[in-house]
Amino acid sequence: MEAKVLTALKGSIKHWEENTNNDEFDADACSAFACPLCYMFNPHVTQPHLSFVEMQMIDCVGCPIMEKTGYKYCRDTPYFEAQMAHENWADEDSNMTKDAFRAAAQKELDFLVSLLPEGERT
């Protein structure tokens, strides 16, 4: 894994570690703008001037998540469970919805940690 990709992956792991400990609702917890991997591999975040066709050609290419799953936009990962739990927390701010989000965030965190190269896992 290239050093800059590893750095982005570690940044995404740090973000999801923070999500597992969120006591207050954070509107950006599941945002692509808060994810270093999305920032690196999702042109919707950094290059919104590109055409739809141009974006489709480069979306997620090189992202270790897509390399693992074969899908764009974190499909087939725990991300969508976390996103749904986050939306539920936004709609109903309670300990139950917060705990559900934190549990889903832990699944996403575990998934991201599994993408680290063998020597980088702790």
PDB file of N, CA and C in Angstrom:
ATOM      1  N   MET A   1       0.854  -1.175   0.000  1.00  0.00           N
ATOM      2  CA  MET A   1       0.000   0.000   0.000  1.00  0.00           C
ATOM      3  C   MET A   1       0.899   1.238   0.000  1.00  0.00           C
ATOM      4  N   GLU A   2       0.593   2.172  -0.875  1.00  0.00           N
ATOM      5  CA  GLU A   2       1.364   3.419  -0.938  1.00  0.00           C
ATOM      6  C   GLU A   2       1.266   4.164   0.392  1.00  0.00           C
ATOM      7  N   ALA A   3       2.315   4.897   0.710  1.00  0.00           N
ATOM      8  CA  ALA A   3       2.372   5.630   1.982  1.00  0.00           C
ATOM      9  C   ALA A   3       1.215   6.613   2.127  1.00  0.00           C
ATOM     10  N   LYS A   4       0.875   7.333   1.050  1.00  0.00           N
ATOM     11  CA  LYS A   4      -0.203   8.322   1.162  1.00  0.00           C
ATOM     12  C   LYS A   4      -1.563   7.653   1.347  1.00  0.00           C
ATOM     13  N   VAL A   5      -1.746   6.470   0.780  1.00  0.00           N
ATOM     14  CA  VAL A   5      -2.994   5.738   0.971  1.00  0.00           C
ATOM     15  C   VAL A   5      -3.057   5.208   2.405  1.00  0.00           C
ATOM     16  N   LEU A   6      -1.943   4.703   2.905  1.00  0.00           N
ATOM     17  CA  LEU A   6      -1.880   4.230   4.284  1.00  0.00           C
ATOM     18  C   LEU A   6      -2.179   5.370   5.255  1.00  0.00           C
ATOM     19  N   THR A   7      -1.641   6.541   4.976  1.00  0.00           N
ATOM     20  CA  THR A   7      -1.910   7.705   5.821  1.00  0.00           C
ATOM     21  C   THR A   7      -3.405   8.041   5.817  1.00  0.00           C
ATOM     22  N   ALA A   8      -4.026   8.014   4.644  1.00  0.00           N
ATOM     23  CA  ALA A   8      -5.469   8.292   4.549  1.00  0.00           C
ATOM     24  C   ALA A   8      -6.269   7.218   5.281  1.00  0.00           C
ATOM     25  N   LEU A   9      -5.894   5.962   5.131  1.00  0.00           N
ATOM     26  CA  LEU A   9      -6.585   4.874   5.822  1.00  0.00           C
ATOM     27  C   LEU A   9      -6.480   5.066   7.333  1.00  0.00           C
ATOM     28  N   LYS A  10      -5.293   5.388   7.810  1.00  0.00           N
ATOM     29  CA  LYS A  10      -5.125   5.617   9.248  1.00  0.00           C
ATOM     30  C   LYS A  10      -5.945   6.819   9.712  1.00  0.00           C
ATOM     31  N   GLY A  11      -6.053   7.834   8.874  1.00  0.00           N
ATOM     32  CA  GLY A  11      -6.897   8.979   9.205  1.00  0.00           C
ATOM     33  C   GLY A  11      -8.369   8.590   9.288  1.00  0.00           C
ATOM     34  N   SER A  12      -8.800   7.732   8.382  1.00  0.00           N
ATOM     35  CA  SER A  12     -10.186   7.263   8.412  1.00  0.00           C
ATOM     36  C   SER A  12     -10.428   6.408   9.652  1.00  0.00           C
ATOM     37  N   ILE A  13      -9.454   5.591  10.006  1.00  0.00           N
ATOM     38  CA  ILE A  13      -9.561   4.786  11.229  1.00  0.00           C
ATOM     39  C   ILE A  13      -9.683   5.698  12.444  1.00  0.00           C
ATOM     40  N   LYS A  14      -8.866   6.728  12.502  1.00  0.00           N
ATOM     41  CA  LYS A  14      -8.940   7.679  13.618  1.00  0.00           C
ATOM     42  C   LYS A  14     -10.324   8.328  13.678  1.00  0.00           C
ATOM     43  N   HIS A  15     -10.860   8.713  12.527  1.00  0.00           N
ATOM     44  CA  HIS A  15     -12.196   9.320  12.481  1.00  0.00           C
ATOM     45  C   HIS A  15     -13.243   8.361  13.052  1.00  0.00           C
ATOM     46  N   TRP A  16     -13.179   7.091  12.664  1.00  0.00           N
ATOM     47  CA  TRP A  16     -14.179   6.134  13.147  1.00  0.00           C
ATOM     48  C   TRP A  16     -13.939   5.761  14.606  1.00  0.00           C
ATOM     49  N   GLU A  17     -12.705   5.823  15.069  1.00  0.00           N
ATOM     50  CA  GLU A  17     -12.457   5.664  16.511  1.00  0.00           C
ATOM     51  C   GLU A  17     -13.180   6.773  17.273  1.00  0.00           C
ATOM     52  N   GLU A  18     -13.082   7.981  16.759  1.00  0.00           N
ATOM     53  CA  GLU A  18     -13.777   9.110  17.381  1.00  0.00           C
ATOM     54  C   GLU A  18     -15.290   8.895  17.345  1.00  0.00           C
ATOM     55  N   ASN A  19     -15.795   8.362  16.238  1.00  0.00           N
ATOM     56  CA  ASN A  19     -17.235   8.108  16.137  1.00  0.00           C
ATOM     57  C   ASN A  19     -17.705   7.104  17.189  1.00  0.00           C
ATOM     58  N   THR A  20     -16.879   6.121  17.515  1.00  0.00           N
ATOM     59  CA  THR A  20     -17.291   5.116  18.515  1.00  0.00           C
ATOM     60  C   THR A  20     -17.399   5.724  19.905  1.00  0.00           C
ATOM     61  N   ASN A  21     -16.827   6.899  20.086  1.00  0.00           N
ATOM     62  CA  ASN A  21     -16.847   7.559  21.397  1.00  0.00           C
ATOM     63  C   ASN A  21     -17.709   8.813  21.431  1.00  0.00           C
ATOM     64  N   ASN A  22     -18.434   9.089  20.345  1.00  0.00           N
ATOM     65  CA  ASN A  22     -19.255  10.307  20.295  1.00  0.00           C
ATOM     66  C   ASN A  22     -20.329  10.287  21.387  1.00  0.00           C
ATOM     67  N   ASP A  23     -20.303  11.296  22.240  1.00  0.00           N
ATOM     68  CA  ASP A  23     -21.375  11.468  23.218  1.00  0.00           C
ATOM     69  C   ASP A  23     -22.403  12.475  22.726  1.00  0.00           C
ATOM     70  N   GLU A  24     -21.958  13.381  21.879  1.00  0.00           N
ATOM     71  CA  GLU A  24     -22.839  14.392  21.302  1.00  0.00           C
ATOM     72  C   GLU A  24     -22.995  14.100  19.814  1.00  0.00           C
ATOM     73  N   PHE A  25     -24.174  14.350  19.291  1.00  0.00           N
ATOM     74  CA  PHE A  25     -24.417  14.134  17.871  1.00  0.00           C
ATOM     75  C   PHE A  25     -23.491  15.020  17.041  1.00  0.00           C
ATOM     76  N   ASP A  26     -22.843  14.427  16.065  1.00  0.00           N
ATOM     77  CA  ASP A  26     -21.947  15.135  15.138  1.00  0.00           C
ATOM     78  C   ASP A  26     -22.526  14.977  13.737  1.00  0.00           C
ATOM     79  N   ALA A  27     -22.999  16.056  13.170  1.00  0.00           N
ATOM     80  CA  ALA A  27     -23.649  16.004  11.853  1.00  0.00           C
ATOM     81  C   ALA A  27     -22.715  15.485  10.772  1.00  0.00           C
ATOM     82  N   ASP A  28     -21.405  15.639  10.945  1.00  0.00           N
ATOM     83  CA  ASP A  28     -20.437  15.206   9.932  1.00  0.00           C
ATOM     84  C   ASP A  28     -19.863  13.820  10.185  1.00  0.00           C
ATOM     85  N   ALA A  29     -20.377  13.091  11.148  1.00  0.00           N
ATOM     86  CA  ALA A  29     -19.791  11.810  11.522  1.00  0.00           C
ATOM     87  C   ALA A  29     -19.705  10.823  10.353  1.00  0.00           C
ATOM     88  N   CYS A  30     -20.669  10.858   9.451  1.00  0.00           N
ATOM     89  CA  CYS A  30     -20.683   9.931   8.314  1.00  0.00           C
ATOM     90  C   CYS A  30     -20.462  10.636   6.984  1.00  0.00           C
ATOM     91  N   SER A  31     -19.974  11.839   7.038  1.00  0.00           N
ATOM     92  CA  SER A  31     -19.784  12.636   5.832  1.00  0.00           C
ATOM     93  C   SER A  31     -18.519  12.233   5.073  1.00  0.00           C
ATOM     94  N   ALA A  32     -18.620  12.209   3.766  1.00  0.00           N
ATOM     95  CA  ALA A  32     -17.433  11.962   2.938  1.00  0.00           C
ATOM     96  C   ALA A  32     -16.389  13.056   3.148  1.00  0.00           C
ATOM     97  N   PHE A  33     -16.829  14.234   3.527  1.00  0.00           N
ATOM     98  CA  PHE A  33     -15.902  15.336   3.760  1.00  0.00           C
ATOM     99  C   PHE A  33     -15.067  15.125   5.025  1.00  0.00           C
ATOM    100  N   ALA A  34     -15.512  14.230   5.906  1.00  0.00           N
ATOM    101  CA  ALA A  34     -14.784  13.932   7.141  1.00  0.00           C
ATOM    102  C   ALA A  34     -13.925  12.678   7.020  1.00  0.00           C
ATOM    103  N   CYS A  35     -13.931  12.052   5.855  1.00  0.00           N
ATOM    104  CA  CYS A  35     -13.211  10.792   5.651  1.00  0.00           C
ATOM    105  C   CYS A  35     -11.991  11.023   4.762  1.00  0.00           C
ATOM    106  N   PRO A  36     -10.788  10.828   5.298  1.00  0.00           N
ATOM    107  CA  PRO A  36      -9.596  11.016   4.467  1.00  0.00           C
ATOM    108  C   PRO A  36      -9.561  10.129   3.218  1.00  0.00           C
ATOM    109  N   LEU A  37     -10.095   8.918   3.303  1.00  0.00           N
ATOM    110  CA  LEU A  37     -10.125   8.071   2.102  1.00  0.00           C
ATOM    111  C   LEU A  37     -11.062   8.648   1.048  1.00  0.00           C
ATOM    112  N   CYS A  38     -12.231   9.109   1.457  1.00  0.00           N
ATOM    113  CA  CYS A  38     -13.149   9.748   0.500  1.00  0.00           C
ATOM    114  C   CYS A  38     -12.521  11.011  -0.068  1.00  0.00           C
ATOM    115  N   TYR A  39     -11.855  11.741   0.804  1.00  0.00           N
ATOM    116  CA  TYR A  39     -11.216  12.974   0.350  1.00  0.00           C
ATOM    117  C   TYR A  39     -10.179  12.668  -0.729  1.00  0.00           C
ATOM    118  N   MET A  40      -9.524  11.527  -0.616  1.00  0.00           N
ATOM    119  CA  MET A  40      -8.483  11.159  -1.576  1.00  0.00           C
ATOM    120  C   MET A  40      -9.054  10.514  -2.848  1.00  0.00           C
ATOM    121  N   PHE A  41     -10.108   9.721  -2.713  1.00  0.00           N
ATOM    122  CA  PHE A  41     -10.561   8.890  -3.830  1.00  0.00           C
ATOM    123  C   PHE A  41     -11.955   9.208  -4.370  1.00  0.00           C
ATOM    124  N   ASN A  42     -12.645  10.161  -3.783  1.00  0.00           N
ATOM    125  CA  ASN A  42     -13.996  10.485  -4.238  1.00  0.00           C
ATOM    126  C   ASN A  42     -14.000  11.885  -4.837  1.00  0.00           C
ATOM    127  N   PRO A  43     -14.059  12.004  -6.156  1.00  0.00           N
ATOM    128  CA  PRO A  43     -13.998  13.324  -6.785  1.00  0.00           C
ATOM    129  C   PRO A  43     -15.202  14.212  -6.464  1.00  0.00           C
ATOM    130  N   HIS A  44     -16.287  13.625  -5.970  1.00  0.00           N
ATOM    131  CA  HIS A  44     -17.430  14.442  -5.558  1.00  0.00           C
ATOM    132  C   HIS A  44     -17.032  15.381  -4.422  1.00  0.00           C
ATOM    133  N   VAL A  45     -16.023  14.977  -3.662  1.00  0.00           N
ATOM    134  CA  VAL A  45     -15.552  15.759  -2.527  1.00  0.00           C
ATOM    135  C   VAL A  45     -14.588  16.852  -2.975  1.00  0.00           C
ATOM    136  N   THR A  46     -13.646  16.501  -3.833  1.00  0.00           N
ATOM    137  CA  THR A  46     -12.564  17.438  -4.154  1.00  0.00           C
ATOM    138  C   THR A  46     -12.633  18.055  -5.551  1.00  0.00           C
ATOM    139  N   GLN A  47     -13.392  17.446  -6.464  1.00  0.00           N
ATOM    140  CA  GLN A  47     -13.428  17.933  -7.840  1.00  0.00           C
ATOM    141  C   GLN A  47     -14.867  18.025  -8.358  1.00  0.00           C
ATOM    142  N   PRO A  48     -15.726  18.778  -7.693  1.00  0.00           N
ATOM    143  CA  PRO A  48     -17.135  18.818  -8.106  1.00  0.00           C
ATOM    144  C   PRO A  48     -17.359  19.413  -9.491  1.00  0.00           C
ATOM    145  N   HIS A  49     -16.322  20.028 -10.066  1.00  0.00           N
ATOM    146  CA  HIS A  49     -16.454  20.616 -11.405  1.00  0.00           C
ATOM    147  C   HIS A  49     -16.432  19.562 -12.515  1.00  0.00           C
ATOM    148  N   LEU A  50     -16.017  18.335 -12.198  1.00  0.00           N
ATOM    149  CA  LEU A  50     -15.963  17.291 -13.216  1.00  0.00           C
ATOM    150  C   LEU A  50     -17.368  16.894 -13.659  1.00  0.00           C
ATOM    151  N   SER A  51     -17.466  16.408 -14.876  1.00  0.00           N
ATOM    152  CA  SER A  51     -18.760  15.942 -15.364  1.00  0.00           C
ATOM    153  C   SER A  51     -19.106  14.622 -14.674  1.00  0.00           C
ATOM    154  N   PHE A  52     -20.366  14.251 -14.746  1.00  0.00           N
ATOM    155  CA  PHE A  52     -20.827  12.994 -14.166  1.00  0.00           C
ATOM    156  C   PHE A  52     -20.047  11.822 -14.751  1.00  0.00           C
ATOM    157  N   VAL A  53     -19.849  11.820 -16.056  1.00  0.00           N
ATOM    158  CA  VAL A  53     -19.126  10.730 -16.726  1.00  0.00           C
ATOM    159  C   VAL A  53     -17.680  10.671 -16.240  1.00  0.00           C
ATOM    160  N   GLU A  54     -17.032  11.827 -16.144  1.00  0.00           N
ATOM    161  CA  GLU A  54     -15.651  11.856 -15.663  1.00  0.00           C
ATOM    162  C   GLU A  54     -15.559  11.318 -14.233  1.00  0.00           C
ATOM    163  N   MET A  55     -16.497  11.710 -13.392  1.00  0.00           N
ATOM    164  CA  MET A  55     -16.483  11.232 -12.013  1.00  0.00           C
ATOM    165  C   MET A  55     -16.674   9.723 -11.947  1.00  0.00           C
ATOM    166  N   GLN A  56     -17.588   9.214 -12.732  1.00  0.00           N
ATOM    167  CA  GLN A  56     -17.858   7.779 -12.717  1.00  0.00           C
ATOM    168  C   GLN A  56     -16.623   6.961 -13.088  1.00  0.00           C
ATOM    169  N   MET A  57     -15.768   7.542 -13.907  1.00  0.00           N
ATOM    170  CA  MET A  57     -14.566   6.824 -14.345  1.00  0.00           C
ATOM    171  C   MET A  57     -13.504   6.754 -13.244  1.00  0.00           C
ATOM    172  N   ILE A  58     -13.494   7.722 -12.325  1.00  0.00           N
ATOM    173  CA  ILE A  58     -12.429   7.749 -11.328  1.00  0.00           C
ATOM    174  C   ILE A  58     -12.921   7.557  -9.894  1.00  0.00           C
ATOM    175  N   ASP A  59     -14.230   7.550  -9.676  1.00  0.00           N
ATOM    176  CA  ASP A  59     -14.764   7.361  -8.326  1.00  0.00           C
ATOM    177  C   ASP A  59     -14.169   6.130  -7.661  1.00  0.00           C
ATOM    178  N   CYS A  60     -13.575   6.331  -6.520  1.00  0.00           N
ATOM    179  CA  CYS A  60     -13.109   5.272  -5.629  1.00  0.00           C
ATOM    180  C   CYS A  60     -11.952   4.428  -6.184  1.00  0.00           C
ATOM    181  N   VAL A  61     -11.485   4.704  -7.377  1.00  0.00           N
ATOM    182  CA  VAL A  61     -10.400   3.912  -7.963  1.00  0.00           C
ATOM    183  C   VAL A  61      -9.136   4.100  -7.127  1.00  0.00           C
ATOM    184  N   GLY A  62      -8.599   2.991  -6.637  1.00  0.00           N
ATOM    185  CA  GLY A  62      -7.416   3.010  -5.795  1.00  0.00           C
ATOM    186  C   GLY A  62      -7.713   2.978  -4.311  1.00  0.00           C
ATOM    187  N   CYS A  63      -8.970   3.163  -3.935  1.00  0.00           N
ATOM    188  CA  CYS A  63      -9.343   3.141  -2.521  1.00  0.00           C
ATOM    189  C   CYS A  63      -9.241   1.705  -2.000  1.00  0.00           C
ATOM    190  N   PRO A  64      -8.602   1.519  -0.848  1.00  0.00           N
ATOM    191  CA  PRO A  64      -8.476   0.157  -0.319  1.00  0.00           C
ATOM    192  C   PRO A  64      -9.822  -0.485   0.024  1.00  0.00           C
ATOM    193  N   ILE A  65     -10.838   0.329   0.282  1.00  0.00           N
ATOM    194  CA  ILE A  65     -12.167  -0.231   0.541  1.00  0.00           C
ATOM    195  C   ILE A  65     -12.728  -0.843  -0.733  1.00  0.00           C
ATOM    196  N   MET A  66     -12.640  -0.100  -1.840  1.00  0.00           N
ATOM    197  CA  MET A  66     -13.120  -0.639  -3.112  1.00  0.00           C
ATOM    198  C   MET A  66     -12.287  -1.840  -3.544  1.00  0.00           C
ATOM    199  N   GLU A  67     -10.996  -1.790  -3.292  1.00  0.00           N
ATOM    200  CA  GLU A  67     -10.143  -2.923  -3.646  1.00  0.00           C
ATOM    201  C   GLU A  67     -10.545  -4.180  -2.884  1.00  0.00           C
ATOM    202  N   LYS A  68     -11.000  -4.011  -1.644  1.00  0.00           N
ATOM    203  CA  LYS A  68     -11.428  -5.152  -0.829  1.00  0.00           C
ATOM    204  C   LYS A  68     -12.790  -5.674  -1.263  1.00  0.00           C
ATOM    205  N   THR A  69     -13.754  -4.754  -1.470  1.00  0.00           N
ATOM    206  CA  THR A  69     -15.131  -5.180  -1.741  1.00  0.00           C
ATOM    207  C   THR A  69     -15.447  -5.331  -3.224  1.00  0.00           C
ATOM    208  N   GLY A  70     -14.741  -4.570  -4.056  1.00  0.00           N
ATOM    209  CA  GLY A  70     -15.057  -4.547  -5.476  1.00  0.00           C
ATOM    210  C   GLY A  70     -16.161  -3.557  -5.825  1.00  0.00           C
ATOM    211  N   TYR A  71     -16.623  -2.806  -4.830  1.00  0.00           N
ATOM    212  CA  TYR A  71     -17.718  -1.863  -5.039  1.00  0.00           C
ATOM    213  C   TYR A  71     -17.310  -0.442  -4.684  1.00  0.00           C
ATOM    214  N   LYS A  72     -17.940   0.517  -5.354  1.00  0.00           N
ATOM    215  CA  LYS A  72     -17.737   1.932  -5.049  1.00  0.00           C
ATOM    216  C   LYS A  72     -18.580   2.353  -3.852  1.00  0.00           C
ATOM    217  N   TYR A  73     -18.214   3.498  -3.280  1.00  0.00           N
ATOM    218  CA  TYR A  73     -18.992   4.193  -2.252  1.00  0.00           C
ATOM    219  C   TYR A  73     -19.234   3.353  -0.993  1.00  0.00           C
ATOM    220  N   CYS A  74     -18.277   2.526  -0.641  1.00  0.00           N
ATOM    221  CA  CYS A  74     -18.328   1.728   0.600  1.00  0.00           C
ATOM    222  C   CYS A  74     -19.466   0.717   0.639  1.00  0.00           C
ATOM    223  N   ARG A  75     -19.997   0.389  -0.534  1.00  0.00           N
ATOM    224  CA  ARG A  75     -21.033  -0.641  -0.599  1.00  0.00           C
ATOM    225  C   ARG A  75     -20.450  -1.956  -0.114  1.00  0.00           C
ATOM    226  N   ASP A  76     -21.241  -2.739   0.543  1.00  0.00           N
ATOM    227  CA  ASP A  76     -20.842  -4.042   1.081  1.00  0.00           C
ATOM    228  C   ASP A  76     -19.857  -3.908   2.249  1.00  0.00           C
ATOM    229  N   THR A  77     -20.023  -2.826   3.015  1.00  0.00           N
ATOM    230  CA  THR A  77     -19.246  -2.601   4.233  1.00  0.00           C
ATOM    231  C   THR A  77     -20.225  -2.223   5.343  1.00  0.00           C
ATOM    232  N   PRO A  78     -19.758  -2.155   6.577  1.00  0.00           N
ATOM    233  CA  PRO A  78     -20.627  -1.719   7.673  1.00  0.00           C
ATOM    234  C   PRO A  78     -20.988  -0.230   7.634  1.00  0.00           C
ATOM    235  N   TYR A  79     -20.439   0.503   6.691  1.00  0.00           N
ATOM    236  CA  TYR A  79     -20.682   1.945   6.627  1.00  0.00           C
ATOM    237  C   TYR A  79     -22.173   2.290   6.588  1.00  0.00           C
ATOM    238  N   PHE A  80     -22.944   1.582   5.784  1.00  0.00           N
ATOM    239  CA  PHE A  80     -24.353   1.947   5.618  1.00  0.00           C
ATOM    240  C   PHE A  80     -25.171   1.685   6.871  1.00  0.00           C
ATOM    241  N   GLU A  81     -24.807   0.669   7.645  1.00  0.00           N
ATOM    242  CA  GLU A  81     -25.458   0.456   8.938  1.00  0.00           C
ATOM    243  C   GLU A  81     -25.157   1.636   9.863  1.00  0.00           C
ATOM    244  N   ALA A  82     -23.907   2.092   9.842  1.00  0.00           N
ATOM    245  CA  ALA A  82     -23.524   3.246  10.666  1.00  0.00           C
ATOM    246  C   ALA A  82     -24.256   4.507  10.202  1.00  0.00           C
ATOM    247  N   GLN A  83     -24.341   4.684   8.899  1.00  0.00           N
ATOM    248  CA  GLN A  83     -25.033   5.862   8.361  1.00  0.00           C
ATOM    249  C   GLN A  83     -26.513   5.860   8.771  1.00  0.00           C
ATOM    250  N   MET A  84     -27.154   4.707   8.689  1.00  0.00           N
ATOM    251  CA  MET A  84     -28.568   4.615   9.069  1.00  0.00           C
ATOM    252  C   MET A  84     -28.732   4.866  10.570  1.00  0.00           C
ATOM    253  N   ALA A  85     -27.846   4.309  11.373  1.00  0.00           N
ATOM    254  CA  ALA A  85     -27.900   4.541  12.818  1.00  0.00           C
ATOM    255  C   ALA A  85     -27.665   6.021  13.135  1.00  0.00           C
ATOM    256  N   HIS A  86     -26.793   6.642  12.359  1.00  0.00           N
ATOM    257  CA  HIS A  86     -26.518   8.071  12.539  1.00  0.00           C
ATOM    258  C   HIS A  86     -27.764   8.893  12.214  1.00  0.00           C
ATOM    259  N   GLU A  87     -28.439   8.553  11.148  1.00  0.00           N
ATOM    260  CA  GLU A  87     -29.679   9.254  10.782  1.00  0.00           C
ATOM    261  C   GLU A  87     -30.749   9.063  11.858  1.00  0.00           C
ATOM    262  N   ASN A  88     -30.828   7.853  12.410  1.00  0.00           N
ATOM    263  CA  ASN A  88     -31.795   7.607  13.479  1.00  0.00           C
ATOM    264  C   ASN A  88     -31.474   8.453  14.708  1.00  0.00           C
ATOM    265  N   TRP A  89     -30.192   8.583  15.014  1.00  0.00           N
ATOM    266  CA  TRP A  89     -29.776   9.410  16.148  1.00  0.00           C
ATOM    267  C   TRP A  89     -30.146  10.875  15.885  1.00  0.00           C
ATOM    268  N   ALA A  90     -29.998  11.310  14.643  1.00  0.00           N
ATOM    269  CA  ALA A  90     -30.370  12.687  14.294  1.00  0.00           C
ATOM    270  C   ALA A  90     -31.863  12.916  14.491  1.00  0.00           C
ATOM    271  N   ASP A  91     -32.668  11.903  14.167  1.00  0.00           N
ATOM    272  CA  ASP A  91     -34.122  12.024  14.272  1.00  0.00           C
ATOM    273  C   ASP A  91     -34.620  11.894  15.712  1.00  0.00           C
ATOM    274  N   GLU A  92     -33.904  11.101  16.504  1.00  0.00           N
ATOM    275  CA  GLU A  92     -34.341  10.845  17.883  1.00  0.00           C
ATOM    276  C   GLU A  92     -33.114  10.787  18.777  1.00  0.00           C
ATOM    277  N   ASP A  93     -32.785  11.892  19.387  1.00  0.00           N
ATOM    278  CA  ASP A  93     -31.595  11.979  20.228  1.00  0.00           C
ATOM    279  C   ASP A  93     -31.858  11.295  21.567  1.00  0.00           C
ATOM    280  N   SER A  94     -31.440  10.033  21.658  1.00  0.00           N
ATOM    281  CA  SER A  94     -31.614   9.280  22.895  1.00  0.00           C
ATOM    282  C   SER A  94     -30.384   8.411  23.123  1.00  0.00           C
ATOM    283  N   ASN A  95     -30.256   7.878  24.318  1.00  0.00           N
ATOM    284  CA  ASN A  95     -29.133   6.981  24.598  1.00  0.00           C
ATOM    285  C   ASN A  95     -29.197   5.740  23.721  1.00  0.00           C
ATOM    286  N   MET A  96     -30.403   5.275  23.432  1.00  0.00           N
ATOM    287  CA  MET A  96     -30.545   4.083  22.604  1.00  0.00           C
ATOM    288  C   MET A  96     -30.021   4.332  21.185  1.00  0.00           C
ATOM    289  N   THR A  97     -30.392   5.466  20.584  1.00  0.00           N
ATOM    290  CA  THR A  97     -29.929   5.738  19.220  1.00  0.00           C
ATOM    291  C   THR A  97     -28.437   6.061  19.211  1.00  0.00           C
ATOM    292  N   LYS A  98     -27.944   6.728  20.260  1.00  0.00           N
ATOM    293  CA  LYS A  98     -26.501   7.004  20.353  1.00  0.00           C
ATOM    294  C   LYS A  98     -25.738   5.696  20.463  1.00  0.00           C
ATOM    295  N   ASP A  99     -26.198   4.790  21.320  1.00  0.00           N
ATOM    296  CA  ASP A  99     -25.516   3.511  21.496  1.00  0.00           C
ATOM    297  C   ASP A  99     -25.552   2.673  20.221  1.00  0.00           C
ATOM    298  N   ALA A 100     -26.662   2.737  19.485  1.00  0.00           N
ATOM    299  CA  ALA A 100     -26.763   1.998  18.218  1.00  0.00           C
ATOM    300  C   ALA A 100     -25.758   2.544  17.208  1.00  0.00           C
ATOM    301  N   PHE A 101     -25.627   3.866  17.165  1.00  0.00           N
ATOM    302  CA  PHE A 101     -24.636   4.451  16.256  1.00  0.00           C
ATOM    303  C   PHE A 101     -23.229   4.044  16.666  1.00  0.00           C
ATOM    304  N   ARG A 102     -22.927   4.124  17.938  1.00  0.00           N
ATOM    305  CA  ARG A 102     -21.582   3.778  18.398  1.00  0.00           C
ATOM    306  C   ARG A 102     -21.252   2.311  18.087  1.00  0.00           C
ATOM    307  N   ALA A 103     -22.222   1.427  18.239  1.00  0.00           N
ATOM    308  CA  ALA A 103     -22.005   0.005  17.921  1.00  0.00           C
ATOM    309  C   ALA A 103     -21.773  -0.187  16.420  1.00  0.00           C
ATOM    310  N   ALA A 104     -22.552   0.504  15.609  1.00  0.00           N
ATOM    311  CA  ALA A 104     -22.373   0.415  14.154  1.00  0.00           C
ATOM    312  C   ALA A 104     -21.044   1.035  13.740  1.00  0.00           C
ATOM    313  N   ALA A 105     -20.662   2.128  14.385  1.00  0.00           N
ATOM    314  CA  ALA A 105     -19.371   2.759  14.100  1.00  0.00           C
ATOM    315  C   ALA A 105     -18.231   1.812  14.448  1.00  0.00           C
ATOM    316  N   GLN A 106     -18.392   1.030  15.493  1.00  0.00           N
ATOM    317  CA  GLN A 106     -17.358   0.060  15.864  1.00  0.00           C
ATOM    318  C   GLN A 106     -17.186  -0.992  14.771  1.00  0.00           C
ATOM    319  N   LYS A 107     -18.283  -1.413  14.161  1.00  0.00           N
ATOM    320  CA  LYS A 107     -18.197  -2.380  13.054  1.00  0.00           C
ATOM    321  C   LYS A 107     -17.429  -1.781  11.875  1.00  0.00           C
ATOM    322  N   GLU A 108     -17.715  -0.513  11.566  1.00  0.00           N
ATOM    323  CA  GLU A 108     -16.995   0.151  10.480  1.00  0.00           C
ATOM    324  C   GLU A 108     -15.518   0.291  10.842  1.00  0.00           C
ATOM    325  N   LEU A 109     -15.250   0.652  12.074  1.00  0.00           N
ATOM    326  CA  LEU A 109     -13.862   0.755  12.537  1.00  0.00           C
ATOM    327  C   LEU A 109     -13.149  -0.581  12.393  1.00  0.00           C
ATOM    328  N   ASP A 110     -13.765  -1.653  12.838  1.00  0.00           N
ATOM    329  CA  ASP A 110     -13.153  -2.979  12.728  1.00  0.00           C
ATOM    330  C   ASP A 110     -12.867  -3.337  11.274  1.00  0.00           C
ATOM    331  N   PHE A 111     -13.813  -2.998  10.397  1.00  0.00           N
ATOM    332  CA  PHE A 111     -13.610  -3.262   8.977  1.00  0.00           C
ATOM    333  C   PHE A 111     -12.396  -2.493   8.449  1.00  0.00           C
ATOM    334  N   LEU A 112     -12.306  -1.211   8.774  1.00  0.00           N
ATOM    335  CA  LEU A 112     -11.185  -0.396   8.299  1.00  0.00           C
ATOM    336  C   LEU A 112      -9.854  -0.909   8.845  1.00  0.00           C
ATOM    337  N   VAL A 113      -9.824  -1.291  10.100  1.00  0.00           N
ATOM    338  CA  VAL A 113      -8.586  -1.835  10.687  1.00  0.00           C
ATOM    339  C   VAL A 113      -8.172  -3.103   9.949  1.00  0.00           C
ATOM    340  N   SER A 114      -9.145  -3.885   9.498  1.00  0.00           N
ATOM    341  CA  SER A 114      -8.823  -5.123   8.772  1.00  0.00           C
ATOM    342  C   SER A 114      -8.139  -4.848   7.433  1.00  0.00           C
ATOM    343  N   LEU A 115      -8.235  -3.616   6.942  1.00  0.00           N
ATOM    344  CA  LEU A 115      -7.592  -3.249   5.669  1.00  0.00           C
ATOM    345  C   LEU A 115      -6.132  -2.863   5.831  1.00  0.00           C
ATOM    346  N   LEU A 116      -5.704  -2.642   7.065  1.00  0.00           N
ATOM    347  CA  LEU A 116      -4.303  -2.274   7.291  1.00  0.00           C
ATOM    348  C   LEU A 116      -3.382  -3.407   6.876  1.00  0.00           C
ATOM    349  N   PRO A 117      -2.243  -3.086   6.309  1.00  0.00           N
ATOM    350  CA  PRO A 117      -1.264  -4.135   6.009  1.00  0.00           C
ATOM    351  C   PRO A 117      -0.862  -4.833   7.303  1.00  0.00           C
ATOM    352  N   GLU A 118      -0.475  -6.088   7.194  1.00  0.00           N
ATOM    353  CA  GLU A 118      -0.175  -6.926   8.352  1.00  0.00           C
ATOM    354  C   GLU A 118       0.730  -6.241   9.378  1.00  0.00           C
ATOM    355  N   GLY A 119       1.793  -5.614   8.951  1.00  0.00           N
ATOM    356  CA  GLY A 119       2.733  -4.979   9.873  1.00  0.00           C
ATOM    357  C   GLY A 119       2.225  -3.725  10.539  1.00  0.00           C
ATOM    358  N   GLU A 120       1.095  -3.197  10.086  1.00  0.00           N
ATOM    359  CA  GLU A 120       0.544  -1.947  10.625  1.00  0.00           C
ATOM    360  C   GLU A 120      -0.550  -2.181  11.671  1.00  0.00           C
ATOM    361  N   ARG A 121      -1.005  -3.405  11.790  1.00  0.00           N
ATOM    362  CA  ARG A 121      -2.074  -3.702  12.755  1.00  0.00           C
ATOM    363  C   ARG A 121      -1.497  -3.808  14.158  1.00  0.00           C
ATOM    364  N   THR A 122      -2.237  -3.262  15.101  1.00  0.00           N
ATOM    365  CA  THR A 122      -1.789  -3.340  16.498  1.00  0.00           C
ATOM    366  C   THR A 122      -2.749  -4.138  17.343  1.00  0.00           C
TER     367      THR A 122
END
